[in-house]
Amino acid sequence: MKKIILKLSQPWSDAKEYAVEALTHGINAFYVPPGMVEKVRSLGSVEVFSEADGADMVVALDDGGEPRKGVAYIVKVAKKEDEERVYGLARAGATAVIVKTEDWKIIPLENIIADLHRMDTELYAEAESVDEARTLLQTLELGVDGVIYEPKSLDEVAELAKLVQTEHTIPLTPAKVVDVREVGMGDRVCVDTCSMLKVGEGILVGSQAQGLFLVHSETLETEFTSPRPFRVNAGPVHSYTLSPDGKTRYLSELK
C-alpha cells in the first residue's frame, strides 16, 4: 500500500496538532527530528522516520558504502550517476531509498521506478506540493512506495490522505441487450484521455448512478476506422459517468 510520510520540523507544540490531524485521517508515518521521536510515539501506533538510531526507519545520507538494514538512504539525484547509485543501493539490498532533487523532473523518476519496482527496496520521494505528491504516487501507473511531505496547513493533511485511500473495486456483471430503438439526433461526447487504453478498458457510462455500463475504448480496429486507444466514444451528453472520487458527473461536465 502507498504511504504518506508526514514531515514535521516545527516545534512540538505546533507539530502535535498536525500529527493528531494526520492520525484521524489514517496517516501514521512521520519523519521527525531526533528529539521528537518519543513524543510522536506517545500519540499511538505510528511509524517513525528519523535520523535517531531508535527510529523505526533510520534516515541517513548516502555515504557510498554498503547499505544497512532498517535504514532509508537519502540520495540527491542531479545526474545519471546518481540514478545508478540508487540502483546500486537497491541491488545491495537497501531497505529503502529517499530520492531528493532540487530540480524535480518526472523522467528520471520514471527510470528509477521502472528499475526498482520488482526489487524489495522501498522507494520514497520528497514532494513540494500536494499535486506533486499525487504525481509521484502515480508515475508510470506504479508510483513511488511513499511520499514525504511537510504540510503547509491542516487542510493539506486531509488532501494527502485522499491520495492513498484504498481504491474501490466495482464488479462487472454481464447484461443482455433485448431491444434497440431509434431516438433521433443528438449531441454525443467523445472522451480523449491521456492514456493508451488496452482491450477491456473504457469508462463507466449510464442514465442513472445505480446502473452504469462499461463503454469500451476505441482499441479495436474495424473496416471503417483505425484504432484510437486513447479515446472512448462515450455517448449522449446527458449520460452520467463515474469519477475517480466515486461520484457521478454528466458527460457534458467533463473538461
Protein backbone atom coordinates (compact mmCIF):
# COMPACT_ATOMS: atom_id res chain seq x y z
CA MET A 1 0.00 0.00 0.00
CA LYS A 2 1.20 3.51 -0.81
CA LYS A 3 2.41 5.55 2.14
CA ILE A 4 2.24 9.21 3.10
CA ILE A 5 5.08 10.19 5.43
CA LEU A 6 4.31 13.47 7.13
CA LYS A 7 7.40 15.57 7.75
CA LEU A 8 7.23 17.61 10.96
CA SER A 9 10.04 20.08 11.62
CA GLN A 10 8.25 22.78 13.62
CA PRO A 11 8.22 22.93 17.45
CA TRP A 12 6.26 20.10 19.07
CA SER A 13 3.52 22.47 20.23
CA ASP A 14 2.66 23.02 16.55
CA ALA A 15 3.73 19.63 15.21
CA LYS A 16 1.44 17.78 17.62
CA GLU A 17 -1.64 19.37 16.07
CA TYR A 18 -0.58 18.17 12.62
CA ALA A 19 0.25 14.69 13.93
CA VAL A 20 -3.14 14.31 15.62
CA GLU A 21 -4.91 15.53 12.48
CA ALA A 22 -2.93 13.04 10.40
CA LEU A 23 -3.85 10.13 12.66
CA THR A 24 -7.55 10.97 12.40
CA HIS A 25 -7.19 10.66 8.62
CA GLY A 26 -5.30 7.37 8.74
CA ILE A 27 -1.78 8.73 8.21
CA ASN A 28 0.52 7.15 10.78
CA ALA A 29 4.03 7.60 9.34
CA PHE A 30 6.06 10.62 10.43
CA TYR A 31 9.51 11.99 9.60
CA VAL A 32 10.63 13.92 12.67
CA PRO A 33 13.80 15.33 14.30
CA PRO A 34 15.54 13.06 16.84
CA GLY A 35 14.12 14.97 19.80
CA MET A 36 10.55 14.37 18.65
CA VAL A 37 10.66 10.58 18.22
CA GLU A 38 9.23 9.61 21.61
CA LYS A 39 6.74 12.49 21.60
CA VAL A 40 5.11 11.37 18.38
CA ARG A 41 5.17 7.75 19.56
CA SER A 42 3.16 8.77 22.61
CA LEU A 43 0.21 9.55 20.31
CA GLY A 44 -0.43 5.93 19.37
CA SER A 45 0.60 3.30 16.85
CA VAL A 46 2.93 5.14 14.48
CA GLU A 47 5.91 4.51 12.20
CA VAL A 48 8.71 6.96 12.87
CA PHE A 49 11.32 8.03 10.34
CA SER A 50 14.21 9.96 11.87
CA GLU A 51 17.98 10.37 11.99
CA ALA A 52 17.77 8.96 15.54
CA ASP A 53 19.04 5.39 16.00
CA GLY A 54 15.85 4.39 17.81
CA ALA A 55 13.55 5.25 14.91
CA ASP A 56 11.52 2.59 13.15
CA MET A 57 13.25 3.67 9.95
CA VAL A 58 16.58 5.39 10.42
CA VAL A 59 17.20 8.12 7.83
CA ALA A 60 20.79 8.74 6.72
CA LEU A 61 22.62 10.47 3.88
CA ASP A 62 24.14 8.02 1.44
CA ASP A 63 27.88 7.81 2.12
CA GLY A 64 28.71 5.50 -0.76
CA GLY A 65 29.18 2.47 1.48
CA GLU A 66 27.28 -0.79 1.84
CA PRO A 67 23.66 -0.33 2.98
CA ARG A 68 22.47 -1.36 6.43
CA LYS A 69 19.10 -2.94 7.13
CA GLY A 70 16.46 -0.67 8.59
CA VAL A 71 18.00 2.46 7.06
CA ALA A 72 16.48 4.73 4.41
CA TYR A 73 19.31 6.33 2.45
CA ILE A 74 18.88 9.84 1.07
CA VAL A 75 20.25 10.13 -2.47
CA LYS A 76 20.34 13.52 -4.16
CA VAL A 77 19.69 12.91 -7.85
CA ALA A 78 21.24 15.54 -10.10
CA LYS A 79 22.83 13.42 -12.85
CA LYS A 80 22.79 9.95 -14.36
CA GLU A 81 25.46 8.70 -11.96
CA ASP A 82 23.14 9.47 -9.05
CA GLU A 83 20.44 7.30 -10.62
CA GLU A 84 22.99 4.50 -10.89
CA ARG A 85 23.73 4.89 -7.18
CA VAL A 86 20.05 4.38 -6.38
CA TYR A 87 20.07 1.15 -8.40
CA GLY A 88 23.28 0.08 -6.67
CA LEU A 89 21.75 0.52 -3.23
CA ALA A 90 18.70 -1.50 -4.28
CA ARG A 91 20.83 -4.30 -5.73
CA ALA A 92 22.83 -4.38 -2.50
CA GLY A 93 19.64 -4.94 -0.51
CA ALA A 94 18.93 -1.49 0.93
CA THR A 95 15.69 -1.36 2.91
CA ALA A 96 14.68 2.00 1.45
CA VAL A 97 15.93 4.91 -0.62
CA ILE A 98 14.72 8.51 -0.38
CA VAL A 99 15.19 10.38 -3.65
CA LYS A 100 15.70 14.14 -3.48
CA THR A 101 16.38 16.68 -6.19
CA GLU A 102 16.47 20.46 -6.39
CA ASP A 103 15.01 20.48 -9.90
CA TRP A 104 12.45 17.70 -9.98
CA LYS A 105 11.82 16.11 -13.33
CA ILE A 106 9.49 13.18 -13.91
CA ILE A 107 11.65 11.39 -16.49
CA PRO A 108 14.49 10.49 -14.07
CA LEU A 109 11.89 9.25 -11.57
CA GLU A 110 10.31 7.10 -14.27
CA ASN A 111 13.69 5.49 -14.89
CA ILE A 112 14.17 4.73 -11.20
CA ILE A 113 10.63 3.39 -10.72
CA ALA A 114 10.94 1.15 -13.77
CA ASP A 115 14.12 -0.45 -12.40
CA LEU A 116 13.15 -0.67 -8.73
CA HIS A 117 9.51 -1.80 -8.81
CA ARG A 118 10.48 -5.50 -8.94
CA MET A 119 13.03 -5.15 -6.13
CA ASP A 120 12.44 -5.30 -2.38
CA THR A 121 13.84 -1.81 -1.76
CA GLU A 122 11.15 0.76 -0.94
CA LEU A 123 11.38 3.97 -2.95
CA TYR A 124 10.39 7.26 -1.32
CA ALA A 125 10.47 10.76 -2.76
CA GLU A 126 10.08 14.23 -1.29
CA ALA A 127 7.26 16.40 -2.67
CA GLU A 128 6.95 20.18 -2.65
CA SER A 129 3.15 20.27 -3.01
CA VAL A 130 0.10 18.03 -2.76
CA ASP A 131 -0.18 18.00 -6.55
CA GLU A 132 3.43 16.87 -6.85
CA ALA A 133 2.77 14.17 -4.26
CA ARG A 134 -0.11 12.92 -6.42
CA THR A 135 2.14 12.79 -9.49
CA LEU A 136 4.87 10.94 -7.62
CA LEU A 137 2.39 8.29 -6.47
CA GLN A 138 1.03 7.75 -9.99
CA THR A 139 4.08 7.95 -12.26
CA LEU A 140 4.18 5.02 -14.71
CA GLU A 141 0.94 3.79 -13.06
CA LEU A 142 3.26 2.38 -10.39
CA GLY A 143 4.48 5.40 -8.50
CA VAL A 144 6.85 5.57 -5.57
CA ASP A 145 6.14 3.49 -2.46
CA GLY A 146 5.78 6.60 -0.35
CA VAL A 147 5.86 10.38 -0.43
CA ILE A 148 7.48 12.60 2.19
CA TYR A 149 5.73 15.93 2.53
CA GLU A 150 5.66 18.76 5.06
CA PRO A 151 2.10 20.16 5.06
CA LYS A 152 1.58 23.89 4.97
CA SER A 153 -1.89 23.70 6.52
CA LEU A 154 -4.17 21.24 8.30
CA ASP A 155 -6.37 21.12 5.20
CA GLU A 156 -3.46 19.66 3.23
CA VAL A 157 -3.33 16.72 5.65
CA ALA A 158 -6.82 15.66 4.58
CA GLU A 159 -5.88 16.14 0.91
CA LEU A 160 -2.83 13.92 1.35
CA ALA A 161 -4.88 11.17 2.98
CA LYS A 162 -7.19 11.03 -0.04
CA LEU A 163 -4.21 10.24 -2.28
CA VAL A 164 -3.68 6.83 -0.70
CA GLN A 165 -7.21 5.78 0.15
CA THR A 166 -7.94 2.23 -0.96
CA GLU A 167 -9.38 2.05 -4.44
CA HIS A 168 -12.95 0.80 -4.67
CA THR A 169 -13.40 -2.25 -6.90
CA ILE A 170 -16.63 -2.38 -8.89
CA PRO A 171 -17.52 -5.86 -10.17
CA LEU A 172 -18.83 -6.10 -13.73
CA THR A 173 -21.97 -8.13 -14.45
CA PRO A 174 -22.87 -9.34 -17.97
CA ALA A 175 -26.08 -7.85 -19.38
CA LYS A 176 -28.15 -8.82 -22.41
CA VAL A 177 -29.38 -6.24 -24.92
CA VAL A 178 -33.05 -7.08 -25.52
CA ASP A 179 -34.14 -4.12 -27.65
CA VAL A 180 -32.71 -1.26 -29.72
CA ARG A 181 -34.75 1.85 -30.54
CA GLU A 182 -34.06 4.88 -32.71
CA VAL A 183 -34.31 8.11 -30.68
CA GLY A 184 -33.31 10.67 -33.28
CA MET A 185 -30.38 13.05 -33.49
CA GLY A 186 -28.42 14.42 -30.53
CA ASP A 187 -25.02 15.59 -29.37
CA ARG A 188 -22.58 12.98 -28.15
CA VAL A 189 -19.34 13.05 -26.18
CA CYS A 190 -16.02 11.51 -27.16
CA VAL A 191 -13.63 11.38 -24.22
CA ASP A 192 -9.98 11.70 -25.26
CA THR A 193 -7.86 10.51 -22.35
CA CYS A 194 -4.17 10.96 -21.55
CA SER A 195 -3.63 7.18 -21.53
CA MET A 196 -3.21 4.47 -24.14
CA LEU A 197 -6.06 2.19 -23.10
CA LYS A 198 -5.96 -1.58 -23.53
CA VAL A 199 -8.57 -4.07 -24.69
CA GLY A 200 -11.16 -4.36 -21.92
CA GLU A 201 -10.65 -0.79 -20.69
CA GLY A 202 -13.03 2.13 -21.03
CA ILE A 203 -15.24 4.28 -18.83
CA LEU A 204 -18.49 3.63 -16.96
CA VAL A 205 -21.47 5.43 -18.50
CA GLY A 206 -25.22 5.27 -17.89
CA SER A 207 -28.50 7.10 -17.42
CA GLN A 208 -28.56 6.57 -13.66
CA ALA A 209 -25.92 6.16 -10.98
CA GLN A 210 -27.24 2.71 -9.99
CA GLY A 211 -26.78 1.26 -13.45
CA LEU A 212 -23.62 2.06 -15.41
CA PHE A 213 -22.25 0.25 -18.44
CA LEU A 214 -18.62 -0.21 -19.41
CA VAL A 215 -18.22 1.65 -22.69
CA HIS A 216 -15.18 0.19 -24.42
CA SER A 217 -12.35 2.34 -25.70
CA GLU A 218 -11.55 2.52 -29.41
CA THR A 219 -8.79 -0.06 -29.11
CA LEU A 220 -10.12 -2.45 -31.76
CA GLU A 221 -9.65 -1.96 -35.48
CA THR A 222 -12.69 -2.10 -37.75
CA GLU A 223 -13.13 -1.98 -41.52
CA PHE A 224 -14.24 1.64 -41.15
CA THR A 225 -11.64 3.14 -38.82
CA SER A 226 -8.20 2.64 -37.31
CA PRO A 227 -7.78 2.14 -33.54
CA ARG A 228 -7.65 5.22 -31.34
CA PRO A 229 -6.78 3.60 -27.99
CA PHE A 230 -6.80 6.91 -26.13
CA ARG A 231 -10.49 7.57 -26.95
CA VAL A 232 -13.86 6.45 -25.60
CA ASN A 233 -16.93 7.21 -27.73
CA ALA A 234 -18.91 7.60 -24.54
CA GLY A 235 -22.44 8.55 -25.56
CA PRO A 236 -25.04 11.34 -25.31
CA VAL A 237 -24.26 14.49 -23.35
CA HIS A 238 -26.91 13.82 -20.68
CA SER A 239 -25.37 10.49 -19.60
CA TYR A 240 -23.60 10.01 -16.31
CA THR A 241 -20.04 8.79 -15.86
CA LEU A 242 -18.23 7.70 -12.72
CA SER A 243 -15.45 9.98 -11.45
CA PRO A 244 -12.34 8.80 -9.55
CA ASP A 245 -13.83 10.25 -6.35
CA GLY A 246 -16.78 7.83 -6.62
CA LYS A 247 -19.29 10.49 -7.66
CA THR A 248 -21.22 10.66 -10.92
CA ARG A 249 -20.97 13.56 -13.34
CA TYR A 250 -22.65 14.36 -16.63
CA LEU A 251 -20.50 13.68 -19.67
CA SER A 252 -21.16 17.29 -20.65
CA GLU A 253 -19.33 18.40 -17.48
CA LEU A 254 -16.05 16.70 -18.32
CA LYS A 255 -13.13 19.00 -19.10
